């Protein structure tokens, strides 16, 4: 008599088993702890720079503009990124709100020339 499949206990593949490897012998010395700490810190830093840095800078620029320069309305900067190497400033969700009107920029960029243009030289003799 055959046993139905739903009554069988699932078995992991041989490459997915950790019960064959004894993990109790792993020594937690200070070098291993520093390695784990540095890996977690590096992953957190990369995630922050990739996804949140432009928004945090936009938040601080919003606070600075509203405190120092804007007295009759409200200015909001959603995110701003400055890339010096490629010569590009990118911004998103910029709004200037007053009692009479609102100016909103959803997405934009400024490109400036940073590098000198290439001029080929004649090297013939």
PDB file of N, CA and C in Angstrom:
ATOM      1  N   UNK A   1       0.831  -1.171   0.000  1.00  0.00           N
ATOM      2  CA  UNK A   1       0.000   0.000   0.000  1.00  0.00           C
ATOM      3  C   UNK A   1       0.886   1.248   0.000  1.00  0.00           C
ATOM      4  N   UNK A   2       0.579   2.148  -0.916  1.00  0.00           N
ATOM      5  CA  UNK A   2       1.375   3.372  -1.054  1.00  0.00           C
ATOM      6  C   UNK A   2       0.885   4.447  -0.106  1.00  0.00           C
ATOM      7  N   UNK A   3       1.824   5.207   0.431  1.00  0.00           N
ATOM      8  CA  UNK A   3       1.490   6.315   1.329  1.00  0.00           C
ATOM      9  C   UNK A   3       1.273   7.558   0.477  1.00  0.00           C
ATOM     10  N   UNK A   4       0.183   8.316   0.713  1.00  0.00           N
ATOM     11  CA  UNK A   4      -0.038   9.544  -0.074  1.00  0.00           C
ATOM     12  C   UNK A   4       1.069  10.571   0.181  1.00  0.00           C
ATOM     13  N   UNK A   5       1.296  11.419  -0.815  1.00  0.00           N
ATOM     14  CA  UNK A   5       2.385  12.388  -0.733  1.00  0.00           C
ATOM     15  C   UNK A   5       2.212  13.389   0.399  1.00  0.00           C
ATOM     16  N   UNK A   6       0.984  13.741   0.734  1.00  0.00           N
ATOM     17  CA  UNK A   6       0.782  14.746   1.775  1.00  0.00           C
ATOM     18  C   UNK A   6       1.088  14.208   3.165  1.00  0.00           C
ATOM     19  N   UNK A   7       1.223  12.904   3.326  1.00  0.00           N
ATOM     20  CA  UNK A   7       1.567  12.326   4.620  1.00  0.00           C
ATOM     21  C   UNK A   7       3.073  12.145   4.784  1.00  0.00           C
ATOM     22  N   UNK A   8       3.815  12.264   3.720  1.00  0.00           N
ATOM     23  CA  UNK A   8       5.263  12.122   3.808  1.00  0.00           C
ATOM     24  C   UNK A   8       5.885  13.397   4.377  1.00  0.00           C
ATOM     25  N   UNK A   9       6.929  13.242   5.156  1.00  0.00           N
ATOM     26  CA  UNK A   9       7.632  14.413   5.676  1.00  0.00           C
ATOM     27  C   UNK A   9       8.594  14.912   4.607  1.00  0.00           C
ATOM     28  N   UNK A  10       8.599  16.228   4.363  1.00  0.00           N
ATOM     29  CA  UNK A  10       9.503  16.755   3.340  1.00  0.00           C
ATOM     30  C   UNK A  10      10.952  16.631   3.780  1.00  0.00           C
ATOM     31  N   UNK A  11      11.797  16.394   2.822  1.00  0.00           N
ATOM     32  CA  UNK A  11      13.207  16.227   3.112  1.00  0.00           C
ATOM     33  C   UNK A  11      13.991  17.244   2.295  1.00  0.00           C
ATOM     34  N   UNK A  12      14.916  17.930   2.937  1.00  0.00           N
ATOM     35  CA  UNK A  12      15.714  18.938   2.249  1.00  0.00           C
ATOM     36  C   UNK A  12      16.744  18.260   1.358  1.00  0.00           C
ATOM     37  N   UNK A  13      17.175  19.001   0.355  1.00  0.00           N
ATOM     38  CA  UNK A  13      18.203  18.475  -0.532  1.00  0.00           C
ATOM     39  C   UNK A  13      19.518  18.340   0.235  1.00  0.00           C
ATOM     40  N   UNK A  14      20.420  17.550  -0.298  1.00  0.00           N
ATOM     41  CA  UNK A  14      21.664  17.285   0.422  1.00  0.00           C
ATOM     42  C   UNK A  14      22.532  18.531   0.568  1.00  0.00           C
ATOM     43  N   UNK A  15      22.435  19.475  -0.343  1.00  0.00           N
ATOM     44  CA  UNK A  15      23.233  20.696  -0.250  1.00  0.00           C
ATOM     45  C   UNK A  15      22.621  21.704   0.709  1.00  0.00           C
ATOM     46  N   UNK A  16      21.400  21.467   1.190  1.00  0.00           N
ATOM     47  CA  UNK A  16      20.701  22.403   2.056  1.00  0.00           C
ATOM     48  C   UNK A  16      20.641  21.904   3.498  1.00  0.00           C
ATOM     49  N   UNK A  17      21.419  20.937   3.841  1.00  0.00           N
ATOM     50  CA  UNK A  17      21.392  20.385   5.188  1.00  0.00           C
ATOM     51  C   UNK A  17      22.550  20.939   6.005  1.00  0.00           C
ATOM     52  N   UNK A  18      22.248  21.423   7.197  1.00  0.00           N
ATOM     53  CA  UNK A  18      23.312  21.875   8.092  1.00  0.00           C
ATOM     54  C   UNK A  18      23.488  20.932   9.266  1.00  0.00           C
ATOM     55  N   UNK A  19      22.683  19.892   9.343  1.00  0.00           N
ATOM     56  CA  UNK A  19      22.832  18.984  10.474  1.00  0.00           C
ATOM     57  C   UNK A  19      24.038  18.061  10.307  1.00  0.00           C
ATOM     58  N   UNK A  20      24.597  17.995   9.125  1.00  0.00           N
ATOM     59  CA  UNK A  20      25.796  17.178   8.917  1.00  0.00           C
ATOM     60  C   UNK A  20      27.060  17.921   9.319  1.00  0.00           C
ATOM     61  N   UNK A  21      26.977  19.248   9.372  1.00  0.00           N
ATOM     62  CA  UNK A  21      28.131  20.064   9.731  1.00  0.00           C
ATOM     63  C   UNK A  21      27.956  20.504  11.174  1.00  0.00           C
ATOM     64  N   UNK A  22      28.962  20.286  11.974  1.00  0.00           N
ATOM     65  CA  UNK A  22      28.896  20.667  13.373  1.00  0.00           C
ATOM     66  C   UNK A  22      29.270  22.143  13.502  1.00  0.00           C
ATOM     67  N   UNK A  23      28.272  22.990  13.792  1.00  0.00           N
ATOM     68  CA  UNK A  23      28.512  24.423  13.914  1.00  0.00           C
ATOM     69  C   UNK A  23      28.875  24.834  15.332  1.00  0.00           C
ATOM     70  N   UNK A  24      28.920  23.892  16.249  1.00  0.00           N
ATOM     71  CA  UNK A  24      29.257  24.226  17.632  1.00  0.00           C
ATOM     72  C   UNK A  24      30.741  24.516  17.806  1.00  0.00           C
ATOM     73  N   UNK A  25      31.560  24.087  16.870  1.00  0.00           N
ATOM     74  CA  UNK A  25      33.002  24.273  17.007  1.00  0.00           C
ATOM     75  C   UNK A  25      33.495  25.609  16.467  1.00  0.00           C
ATOM     76  N   UNK A  26      32.590  26.471  15.985  1.00  0.00           N
ATOM     77  CA  UNK A  26      33.007  27.779  15.479  1.00  0.00           C
ATOM     78  C   UNK A  26      33.378  28.651  16.663  1.00  0.00           C
ATOM     79  N   UNK A  27      34.593  29.164  16.613  1.00  0.00           N
ATOM     80  CA  UNK A  27      35.109  29.965  17.709  1.00  0.00           C
ATOM     81  C   UNK A  27      34.783  31.434  17.453  1.00  0.00           C
ATOM     82  N   UNK A  28      34.168  32.130  18.405  1.00  0.00           N
ATOM     83  CA  UNK A  28      33.850  33.551  18.280  1.00  0.00           C
ATOM     84  C   UNK A  28      34.985  34.358  18.896  1.00  0.00           C
ATOM     85  N   UNK A  29      36.050  34.543  18.154  1.00  0.00           N
ATOM     86  CA  UNK A  29      37.127  35.390  18.651  1.00  0.00           C
ATOM     87  C   UNK A  29      36.886  36.826  18.202  1.00  0.00           C
ATOM     88  N   UNK A  30      37.749  37.723  18.605  1.00  0.00           N
ATOM     89  CA  UNK A  30      37.524  39.148  18.324  1.00  0.00           C
ATOM     90  C   UNK A  30      37.664  39.455  16.835  1.00  0.00           C
ATOM     91  N   UNK A  31      38.528  38.759  16.125  1.00  0.00           N
ATOM     92  CA  UNK A  31      38.679  39.009  14.690  1.00  0.00           C
ATOM     93  C   UNK A  31      37.404  38.651  13.924  1.00  0.00           C
ATOM     94  N   UNK A  32      36.787  37.547  14.274  1.00  0.00           N
ATOM     95  CA  UNK A  32      35.548  37.144  13.620  1.00  0.00           C
ATOM     96  C   UNK A  32      34.418  38.113  13.947  1.00  0.00           C
ATOM     97  N   UNK A  33      34.364  38.579  15.189  1.00  0.00           N
ATOM     98  CA  UNK A  33      33.340  39.556  15.578  1.00  0.00           C
ATOM     99  C   UNK A  33      33.547  40.873  14.838  1.00  0.00           C
ATOM    100  N   UNK A  34      34.806  41.313  14.699  1.00  0.00           N
ATOM    101  CA  UNK A  34      35.081  42.544  13.941  1.00  0.00           C
ATOM    102  C   UNK A  34      34.721  42.374  12.470  1.00  0.00           C
ATOM    103  N   UNK A  35      34.958  41.206  11.923  1.00  0.00           N
ATOM    104  CA  UNK A  35      34.593  40.942  10.537  1.00  0.00           C
ATOM    105  C   UNK A  35      33.082  41.046  10.344  1.00  0.00           C
ATOM    106  N   UNK A  36      32.317  40.410  11.214  1.00  0.00           N
ATOM    107  CA  UNK A  36      30.860  40.485  11.109  1.00  0.00           C
ATOM    108  C   UNK A  36      30.363  41.912  11.290  1.00  0.00           C
ATOM    109  N   UNK A  37      30.940  42.626  12.251  1.00  0.00           N
ATOM    110  CA  UNK A  37      30.532  44.013  12.498  1.00  0.00           C
ATOM    111  C   UNK A  37      30.849  44.896  11.294  1.00  0.00           C
ATOM    112  N   UNK A  38      32.006  44.715  10.698  1.00  0.00           N
ATOM    113  CA  UNK A  38      32.375  45.536   9.538  1.00  0.00           C
ATOM    114  C   UNK A  38      31.523  45.198   8.317  1.00  0.00           C
ATOM    115  N   UNK A  39      31.174  43.933   8.136  1.00  0.00           N
ATOM    116  CA  UNK A  39      30.311  43.562   7.017  1.00  0.00           C
ATOM    117  C   UNK A  39      28.914  44.149   7.162  1.00  0.00           C
ATOM    118  N   UNK A  40      28.349  44.079   8.352  1.00  0.00           N
ATOM    119  CA  UNK A  40      27.017  44.648   8.581  1.00  0.00           C
ATOM    120  C   UNK A  40      27.059  46.163   8.419  1.00  0.00           C
ATOM    121  N   UNK A  41      28.116  46.799   8.923  1.00  0.00           N
ATOM    122  CA  UNK A  41      28.248  48.255   8.774  1.00  0.00           C
ATOM    123  C   UNK A  41      28.396  48.654   7.314  1.00  0.00           C
ATOM    124  N   UNK A  42      29.173  47.912   6.555  1.00  0.00           N
ATOM    125  CA  UNK A  42      29.356  48.225   5.136  1.00  0.00           C
ATOM    126  C   UNK A  42      28.050  48.052   4.366  1.00  0.00           C
ATOM    127  N   UNK A  43      27.294  47.007   4.668  1.00  0.00           N
ATOM    128  CA  UNK A  43      26.010  46.814   3.989  1.00  0.00           C
ATOM    129  C   UNK A  43      25.039  47.937   4.334  1.00  0.00           C
ATOM    130  N   UNK A  44      24.993  48.346   5.599  1.00  0.00           N
ATOM    131  CA  UNK A  44      24.104  49.441   5.999  1.00  0.00           C
ATOM    132  C   UNK A  44      24.516  50.746   5.331  1.00  0.00           C
ATOM    133  N   UNK A  45      25.826  50.997   5.223  1.00  0.00           N
ATOM    134  CA  UNK A  45      26.310  52.225   4.591  1.00  0.00           C
ATOM    135  C   UNK A  45      25.974  52.254   3.099  1.00  0.00           C
ATOM    136  N   UNK A  46      26.137  51.153   2.412  1.00  0.00           N
ATOM    137  CA  UNK A  46      25.822  51.098   0.982  1.00  0.00           C
ATOM    138  C   UNK A  46      24.326  51.302   0.757  1.00  0.00           C
ATOM    139  N   UNK A  47      23.496  50.699   1.584  1.00  0.00           N
ATOM    140  CA  UNK A  47      22.045  50.891   1.453  1.00  0.00           C
ATOM    141  C   UNK A  47      21.671  52.341   1.725  1.00  0.00           C
ATOM    142  N   UNK A  48      22.280  52.954   2.737  1.00  0.00           N
ATOM    143  CA  UNK A  48      21.991  54.358   3.041  1.00  0.00           C
ATOM    144  C   UNK A  48      22.396  55.264   1.884  1.00  0.00           C
ATOM    145  N   UNK A  49      23.607  55.110   1.382  1.00  0.00           N
ATOM    146  CA  UNK A  49      24.093  55.972   0.299  1.00  0.00           C
ATOM    147  C   UNK A  49      23.243  55.776  -0.957  1.00  0.00           C
ATOM    148  N   UNK A  50      22.864  54.549  -1.241  1.00  0.00           N
ATOM    149  CA  UNK A  50      22.117  54.269  -2.460  1.00  0.00           C
ATOM    150  C   UNK A  50      20.698  54.815  -2.417  1.00  0.00           C
ATOM    151  N   UNK A  51      20.001  54.632  -1.310  1.00  0.00           N
ATOM    152  CA  UNK A  51      18.572  54.923  -1.291  1.00  0.00           C
ATOM    153  C   UNK A  51      18.167  56.163  -0.500  1.00  0.00           C
ATOM    154  N   UNK A  52      18.949  56.581   0.509  1.00  0.00           N
ATOM    155  CA  UNK A  52      18.450  57.599   1.420  1.00  0.00           C
ATOM    156  C   UNK A  52      19.263  58.884   1.463  1.00  0.00           C
ATOM    157  N   UNK A  53      20.484  58.899   0.997  1.00  0.00           N
ATOM    158  CA  UNK A  53      21.339  60.065   1.165  1.00  0.00           C
ATOM    159  C   UNK A  53      20.770  61.297   0.468  1.00  0.00           C
ATOM    160  N   UNK A  54      20.267  61.172  -0.739  1.00  0.00           N
ATOM    161  CA  UNK A  54      19.723  62.321  -1.469  1.00  0.00           C
ATOM    162  C   UNK A  54      18.504  62.889  -0.759  1.00  0.00           C
ATOM    163  N   UNK A  55      17.709  62.054  -0.145  1.00  0.00           N
ATOM    164  CA  UNK A  55      16.525  62.529   0.577  1.00  0.00           C
ATOM    165  C   UNK A  55      16.902  63.217   1.875  1.00  0.00           C
ATOM    166  N   UNK A  56      17.915  62.711   2.558  1.00  0.00           N
ATOM    167  CA  UNK A  56      18.364  63.356   3.798  1.00  0.00           C
ATOM    168  C   UNK A  56      18.960  64.721   3.491  1.00  0.00           C
ATOM    169  N   UNK A  57      19.749  64.824   2.434  1.00  0.00           N
ATOM    170  CA  UNK A  57      20.303  66.121   2.029  1.00  0.00           C
ATOM    171  C   UNK A  57      19.179  67.065   1.628  1.00  0.00           C
ATOM    172  N   UNK A  58      18.172  66.575   0.928  1.00  0.00           N
ATOM    173  CA  UNK A  58      17.016  67.397   0.577  1.00  0.00           C
ATOM    174  C   UNK A  58      16.272  67.896   1.803  1.00  0.00           C
ATOM    175  N   UNK A  59      16.145  67.070   2.821  1.00  0.00           N
ATOM    176  CA  UNK A  59      15.489  67.479   4.063  1.00  0.00           C
ATOM    177  C   UNK A  59      16.254  68.617   4.728  1.00  0.00           C
ATOM    178  N   UNK A  60      17.589  68.491   4.813  1.00  0.00           N
ATOM    179  CA  UNK A  60      18.385  69.541   5.457  1.00  0.00           C
ATOM    180  C   UNK A  60      18.397  70.827   4.630  1.00  0.00           C
ATOM    181  N   UNK A  61      18.422  70.706   3.310  1.00  0.00           N
ATOM    182  CA  UNK A  61      18.354  71.904   2.463  1.00  0.00           C
ATOM    183  C   UNK A  61      16.993  72.581   2.621  1.00  0.00           C
ATOM    184  N   UNK A  62      15.923  71.806   2.742  1.00  0.00           N
ATOM    185  CA  UNK A  62      14.595  72.373   2.985  1.00  0.00           C
ATOM    186  C   UNK A  62      14.576  73.165   4.285  1.00  0.00           C
ATOM    187  N   UNK A  63      15.098  72.590   5.346  1.00  0.00           N
ATOM    188  CA  UNK A  63      15.133  73.284   6.638  1.00  0.00           C
ATOM    189  C   UNK A  63      15.981  74.544   6.565  1.00  0.00           C
ATOM    190  N   UNK A  64      17.128  74.460   5.903  1.00  0.00           N
ATOM    191  CA  UNK A  64      18.025  75.613   5.793  1.00  0.00           C
ATOM    192  C   UNK A  64      17.387  76.738   4.984  1.00  0.00           C
ATOM    193  N   UNK A  65      16.781  76.419   3.848  1.00  0.00           N
ATOM    194  CA  UNK A  65      16.145  77.442   3.017  1.00  0.00           C
ATOM    195  C   UNK A  65      14.978  78.111   3.736  1.00  0.00           C
ATOM    196  N   UNK A  66      14.156  77.328   4.413  1.00  0.00           N
ATOM    197  CA  UNK A  66      13.004  77.906   5.100  1.00  0.00           C
ATOM    198  C   UNK A  66      13.413  78.750   6.301  1.00  0.00           C
ATOM    199  N   UNK A  67      14.500  78.404   6.939  1.00  0.00           N
ATOM    200  CA  UNK A  67      14.931  79.161   8.115  1.00  0.00           C
ATOM    201  C   UNK A  67      15.656  80.442   7.734  1.00  0.00           C
ATOM    202  N   UNK A  68      16.490  80.401   6.692  1.00  0.00           N
ATOM    203  CA  UNK A  68      17.340  81.548   6.381  1.00  0.00           C
ATOM    204  C   UNK A  68      16.797  82.448   5.283  1.00  0.00           C
ATOM    205  N   UNK A  69      16.175  81.897   4.253  1.00  0.00           N
ATOM    206  CA  UNK A  69      15.870  82.693   3.067  1.00  0.00           C
ATOM    207  C   UNK A  69      14.382  82.921   2.812  1.00  0.00           C
ATOM    208  N   UNK A  70      13.549  81.956   3.061  1.00  0.00           N
ATOM    209  CA  UNK A  70      12.133  82.047   2.717  1.00  0.00           C
ATOM    210  C   UNK A  70      11.365  82.553   3.944  1.00  0.00           C
ATOM    211  N   UNK A  71      10.762  83.750   3.812  1.00  0.00           N
ATOM    212  CA  UNK A  71      10.037  84.320   4.948  1.00  0.00           C
ATOM    213  C   UNK A  71       8.539  84.421   4.689  1.00  0.00           C
ATOM    214  N   UNK A  72       8.119  84.460   3.430  1.00  0.00           N
ATOM    215  CA  UNK A  72       6.698  84.647   3.136  1.00  0.00           C
ATOM    216  C   UNK A  72       6.013  83.378   2.639  1.00  0.00           C
ATOM    217  N   UNK A  73       6.733  82.319   2.428  1.00  0.00           N
ATOM    218  CA  UNK A  73       6.137  81.095   1.901  1.00  0.00           C
ATOM    219  C   UNK A  73       6.824  79.881   2.480  1.00  0.00           C
ATOM    220  N   UNK A  74       6.803  78.822   1.702  1.00  0.00           N
ATOM    221  CA  UNK A  74       7.417  77.569   2.124  1.00  0.00           C
ATOM    222  C   UNK A  74       8.115  76.944   0.927  1.00  0.00           C
ATOM    223  N   UNK A  75       9.315  76.453   1.141  1.00  0.00           N
ATOM    224  CA  UNK A  75      10.093  75.792   0.092  1.00  0.00           C
ATOM    225  C   UNK A  75      10.353  74.360   0.533  1.00  0.00           C
ATOM    226  N   UNK A  76      10.193  73.419  -0.393  1.00  0.00           N
ATOM    227  CA  UNK A  76      10.450  72.022  -0.089  1.00  0.00           C
ATOM    228  C   UNK A  76      11.330  71.427  -1.175  1.00  0.00           C
ATOM    229  N   UNK A  77      12.360  70.706  -0.758  1.00  0.00           N
ATOM    230  CA  UNK A  77      13.240  69.979  -1.674  1.00  0.00           C
ATOM    231  C   UNK A  77      13.131  68.507  -1.306  1.00  0.00           C
ATOM    232  N   UNK A  78      12.606  67.691  -2.226  1.00  0.00           N
ATOM    233  CA  UNK A  78      12.434  66.270  -1.956  1.00  0.00           C
ATOM    234  C   UNK A  78      13.753  65.532  -1.897  1.00  0.00           C
ATOM    235  N   UNK A  79      14.569  65.665  -2.940  1.00  0.00           N
ATOM    236  CA  UNK A  79      15.888  65.042  -2.954  1.00  0.00           C
ATOM    237  C   UNK A  79      16.774  65.801  -3.926  1.00  0.00           C
ATOM    238  N   UNK A  80      18.053  65.806  -3.627  1.00  0.00           N
ATOM    239  CA  UNK A  80      19.021  66.470  -4.499  1.00  0.00           C
ATOM    240  C   UNK A  80      20.311  65.661  -4.483  1.00  0.00           C
ATOM    241  N   UNK A  81      20.903  65.511  -5.661  1.00  0.00           N
ATOM    242  CA  UNK A  81      22.136  64.753  -5.820  1.00  0.00           C
ATOM    243  C   UNK A  81      23.098  65.562  -6.667  1.00  0.00           C
ATOM    244  N   UNK A  82      24.316  65.679  -6.201  1.00  0.00           N
ATOM    245  CA  UNK A  82      25.351  66.388  -6.950  1.00  0.00           C
ATOM    246  C   UNK A  82      26.454  65.396  -7.304  1.00  0.00           C
ATOM    247  N   UNK A  83      26.691  65.223  -8.593  1.00  0.00           N
ATOM    248  CA  UNK A  83      27.733  64.330  -9.064  1.00  0.00           C
ATOM    249  C   UNK A  83      28.798  65.179  -9.749  1.00  0.00           C
ATOM    250  N   UNK A  84      29.894  65.417  -9.057  1.00  0.00           N
ATOM    251  CA  UNK A  84      30.930  66.315  -9.549  1.00  0.00           C
ATOM    252  C   UNK A  84      31.688  65.697 -10.716  1.00  0.00           C
ATOM    253  N   UNK A  85      31.909  64.411 -10.680  1.00  0.00           N
ATOM    254  CA  UNK A  85      32.700  63.763 -11.724  1.00  0.00           C
ATOM    255  C   UNK A  85      32.026  63.851 -13.087  1.00  0.00           C
ATOM    256  N   UNK A  86      30.728  63.642 -13.145  1.00  0.00           N
ATOM    257  CA  UNK A  86      30.032  63.726 -14.429  1.00  0.00           C
ATOM    258  C   UNK A  86      29.471  65.114 -14.695  1.00  0.00           C
ATOM    259  N   UNK A  87      29.507  66.007 -13.722  1.00  0.00           N
ATOM    260  CA  UNK A  87      29.018  67.365 -13.920  1.00  0.00           C
ATOM    261  C   UNK A  87      27.509  67.448 -13.971  1.00  0.00           C
ATOM    262  N   UNK A  88      26.829  66.819 -13.033  1.00  0.00           N
ATOM    263  CA  UNK A  88      25.372  66.790 -13.071  1.00  0.00           C
ATOM    264  C   UNK A  88      24.811  67.021 -11.665  1.00  0.00           C
ATOM    265  N   UNK A  89      23.793  67.867 -11.592  1.00  0.00           N
ATOM    266  CA  UNK A  89      23.022  68.062 -10.369  1.00  0.00           C
ATOM    267  C   UNK A  89      21.598  67.614 -10.676  1.00  0.00           C
ATOM    268  N   UNK A  90      21.118  66.623  -9.945  1.00  0.00           N
ATOM    269  CA  UNK A  90      19.766  66.103 -10.161  1.00  0.00           C
ATOM    270  C   UNK A  90      18.908  66.431  -8.945  1.00  0.00           C
ATOM    271  N   UNK A  91      17.666  66.808  -9.197  1.00  0.00           N
ATOM    272  CA  UNK A  91      16.765  67.151  -8.104  1.00  0.00           C
ATOM    273  C   UNK A  91      15.383  66.611  -8.406  1.00  0.00           C
ATOM    274  N   UNK A  92      14.593  66.468  -7.348  1.00  0.00           N
ATOM    275  CA  UNK A  92      13.258  65.907  -7.477  1.00  0.00           C
ATOM    276  C   UNK A  92      12.346  66.515  -6.419  1.00  0.00           C
ATOM    277  N   UNK A  93      11.108  66.781  -6.822  1.00  0.00           N
ATOM    278  CA  UNK A  93      10.049  67.251  -5.941  1.00  0.00           C
ATOM    279  C   UNK A  93      10.434  68.552  -5.233  1.00  0.00           C
ATOM    280  N   UNK A  94      10.697  69.585  -6.011  1.00  0.00           N
ATOM    281  CA  UNK A  94      10.965  70.911  -5.470  1.00  0.00           C
ATOM    282  C   UNK A  94       9.675  71.716  -5.574  1.00  0.00           C
ATOM    283  N   UNK A  95       9.280  72.325  -4.465  1.00  0.00           N
ATOM    284  CA  UNK A  95       8.041  73.102  -4.443  1.00  0.00           C
ATOM    285  C   UNK A  95       8.279  74.403  -3.684  1.00  0.00           C
ATOM    286  N   UNK A  96       7.734  75.492  -4.235  1.00  0.00           N
ATOM    287  CA  UNK A  96       7.741  76.792  -3.572  1.00  0.00           C
ATOM    288  C   UNK A  96       6.292  77.237  -3.461  1.00  0.00           C
ATOM    289  N   UNK A  97       5.803  77.378  -2.240  1.00  0.00           N
ATOM    290  CA  UNK A  97       4.394  77.660  -1.989  1.00  0.00           C
ATOM    291  C   UNK A  97       4.278  79.006  -1.287  1.00  0.00           C
ATOM    292  N   UNK A  98       3.441  79.906  -1.842  1.00  0.00           N
ATOM    293  CA  UNK A  98       3.106  81.172  -1.195  1.00  0.00           C
ATOM    294  C   UNK A  98       1.587  81.266  -1.089  1.00  0.00           C
ATOM    295  N   UNK A  99       1.112  82.408  -0.619  1.00  0.00           N
ATOM    296  CA  UNK A  99      -0.338  82.601  -0.509  1.00  0.00           C
ATOM    297  C   UNK A  99      -0.986  82.736  -1.880  1.00  0.00           C
ATOM    298  N   UNK A 100      -0.244  83.217  -2.874  1.00  0.00           N
ATOM    299  CA  UNK A 100      -0.818  83.502  -4.186  1.00  0.00           C
ATOM    300  C   UNK A 100      -0.605  82.391  -5.215  1.00  0.00           C
ATOM    301  N   UNK A 101       0.517  81.729  -5.175  1.00  0.00           N
ATOM    302  CA  UNK A 101       0.833  80.772  -6.234  1.00  0.00           C
ATOM    303  C   UNK A 101       1.724  79.658  -5.685  1.00  0.00           C
ATOM    304  N   UNK A 102       1.866  78.631  -6.510  1.00  0.00           N
ATOM    305  CA  UNK A 102       2.726  77.496  -6.191  1.00  0.00           C
ATOM    306  C   UNK A 102       3.535  77.143  -7.422  1.00  0.00           C
ATOM    307  N   UNK A 103       4.809  76.953  -7.232  1.00  0.00           N
ATOM    308  CA  UNK A 103       5.690  76.471  -8.303  1.00  0.00           C
ATOM    309  C   UNK A 103       6.196  75.102  -7.874  1.00  0.00           C
ATOM    310  N   UNK A 104       6.026  74.118  -8.757  1.00  0.00           N
ATOM    311  CA  UNK A 104       6.448  72.761  -8.429  1.00  0.00           C
ATOM    312  C   UNK A 104       7.260  72.188  -9.581  1.00  0.00           C
ATOM    313  N   UNK A 105       8.384  71.597  -9.244  1.00  0.00           N
ATOM    314  CA  UNK A 105       9.237  70.905 -10.211  1.00  0.00           C
ATOM    315  C   UNK A 105       9.289  69.444  -9.778  1.00  0.00           C
ATOM    316  N   UNK A 106       8.804  68.554 -10.623  1.00  0.00           N
ATOM    317  CA  UNK A 106       8.753  67.140 -10.265  1.00  0.00           C
ATOM    318  C   UNK A 106      10.116  66.457 -10.402  1.00  0.00           C
ATOM    319  N   UNK A 107      10.809  66.752 -11.491  1.00  0.00           N
ATOM    320  CA  UNK A 107      12.063  66.061 -11.763  1.00  0.00           C
ATOM    321  C   UNK A 107      12.903  66.939 -12.670  1.00  0.00           C
ATOM    322  N   UNK A 108      14.181  67.045 -12.400  1.00  0.00           N
ATOM    323  CA  UNK A 108      15.021  67.856 -13.266  1.00  0.00           C
ATOM    324  C   UNK A 108      16.495  67.606 -13.015  1.00  0.00           C
ATOM    325  N   UNK A 109      17.323  68.188 -13.903  1.00  0.00           N
ATOM    326  CA  UNK A 109      18.763  68.072 -13.758  1.00  0.00           C
ATOM    327  C   UNK A 109      19.427  69.266 -14.412  1.00  0.00           C
ATOM    328  N   UNK A 110      20.596  69.576 -13.920  1.00  0.00           N
ATOM    329  CA  UNK A 110      21.458  70.604 -14.496  1.00  0.00           C
ATOM    330  C   UNK A 110      22.765  69.930 -14.875  1.00  0.00           C
ATOM    331  N   UNK A 111      23.219  70.181 -16.084  1.00  0.00           N
ATOM    332  CA  UNK A 111      24.480  69.608 -16.545  1.00  0.00           C
ATOM    333  C   UNK A 111      25.433  70.758 -16.823  1.00  0.00           C
ATOM    334  N   UNK A 112      26.614  70.694 -16.240  1.00  0.00           N
ATOM    335  CA  UNK A 112      27.610  71.727 -16.477  1.00  0.00           C
ATOM    336  C   UNK A 112      28.882  71.070 -16.996  1.00  0.00           C
ATOM    337  N   UNK A 113      29.633  71.855 -17.768  1.00  0.00           N
ATOM    338  CA  UNK A 113      30.862  71.316 -18.350  1.00  0.00           C
ATOM    339  C   UNK A 113      31.975  71.390 -17.322  1.00  0.00           C
ATOM    340  N   UNK A 114      32.532  70.269 -17.062  1.00  0.00           N
ATOM    341  CA  UNK A 114      33.577  70.195 -16.068  1.00  0.00           C
ATOM    342  C   UNK A 114      34.920  69.873 -16.711  1.00  0.00           C
ATOM    343  N   UNK A 115      34.896  69.003 -17.690  1.00  0.00           N
ATOM    344  CA  UNK A 115      36.123  68.582 -18.333  1.00  0.00           C
ATOM    345  C   UNK A 115      36.338  69.399 -19.604  1.00  0.00           C
ATOM    346  N   UNK A 116      37.588  69.572 -19.959  1.00  0.00           N
ATOM    347  CA  UNK A 116      37.890  70.225 -21.234  1.00  0.00           C
ATOM    348  C   UNK A 116      37.568  69.261 -22.364  1.00  0.00           C
ATOM    349  N   UNK A 117      37.118  69.808 -23.464  1.00  0.00           N
ATOM    350  CA  UNK A 117      36.794  68.941 -24.594  1.00  0.00           C
ATOM    351  C   UNK A 117      38.082  68.421 -25.231  1.00  0.00           C
ATOM    352  N   UNK A 118      37.982  67.270 -25.824  1.00  0.00           N
ATOM    353  CA  UNK A 118      39.132  66.602 -26.422  1.00  0.00           C
ATOM    354  C   UNK A 118      39.437  67.227 -27.773  1.00  0.00           C
ATOM    355  N   UNK A 119      40.690  67.634 -27.937  1.00  0.00           N
ATOM    356  CA  UNK A 119      41.146  68.172 -29.215  1.00  0.00           C
ATOM    357  C   UNK A 119      42.245  67.239 -29.714  1.00  0.00           C
ATOM    358  N   UNK A 120      42.003  66.530 -30.828  1.00  0.00           N
ATOM    359  CA  UNK A 120      43.026  65.605 -31.329  1.00  0.00           C
ATOM    360  C   UNK A 120      44.245  66.369 -31.853  1.00  0.00           C
ATOM    361  N   UNK A 121      45.415  65.819 -31.571  1.00  0.00           N
ATOM    362  CA  UNK A 121      46.660  66.433 -32.037  1.00  0.00           C
ATOM    363  C   UNK A 121      47.167  65.676 -33.258  1.00  0.00           C
ATOM    364  N   UNK A 122      47.808  66.405 -34.132  1.00  0.00           N
ATOM    365  CA  UNK A 122      48.410  65.789 -35.308  1.00  0.00           C
ATOM    366  C   UNK A 122      49.807  65.316 -34.921  1.00  0.00           C
ATOM    367  N   UNK A 123      50.038  64.017 -34.968  1.00  0.00           N
ATOM    368  CA  UNK A 123      51.321  63.456 -34.566  1.00  0.00           C
ATOM    369  C   UNK A 123      52.125  62.951 -35.763  1.00  0.00           C
ATOM    370  N   UNK A 124      51.762  63.362 -36.960  1.00  0.00           N
ATOM    371  CA  UNK A 124      52.492  62.895 -38.145  1.00  0.00           C
ATOM    372  C   UNK A 124      53.839  63.608 -38.219  1.00  0.00           C
ATOM    373  N   UNK A 125      54.836  62.926 -38.762  1.00  0.00           N
ATOM    374  CA  UNK A 125      56.178  63.501 -38.869  1.00  0.00           C
ATOM    375  C   UNK A 125      56.508  63.857 -40.283  1.00  0.00           C
TER     376      UNK A 125
END
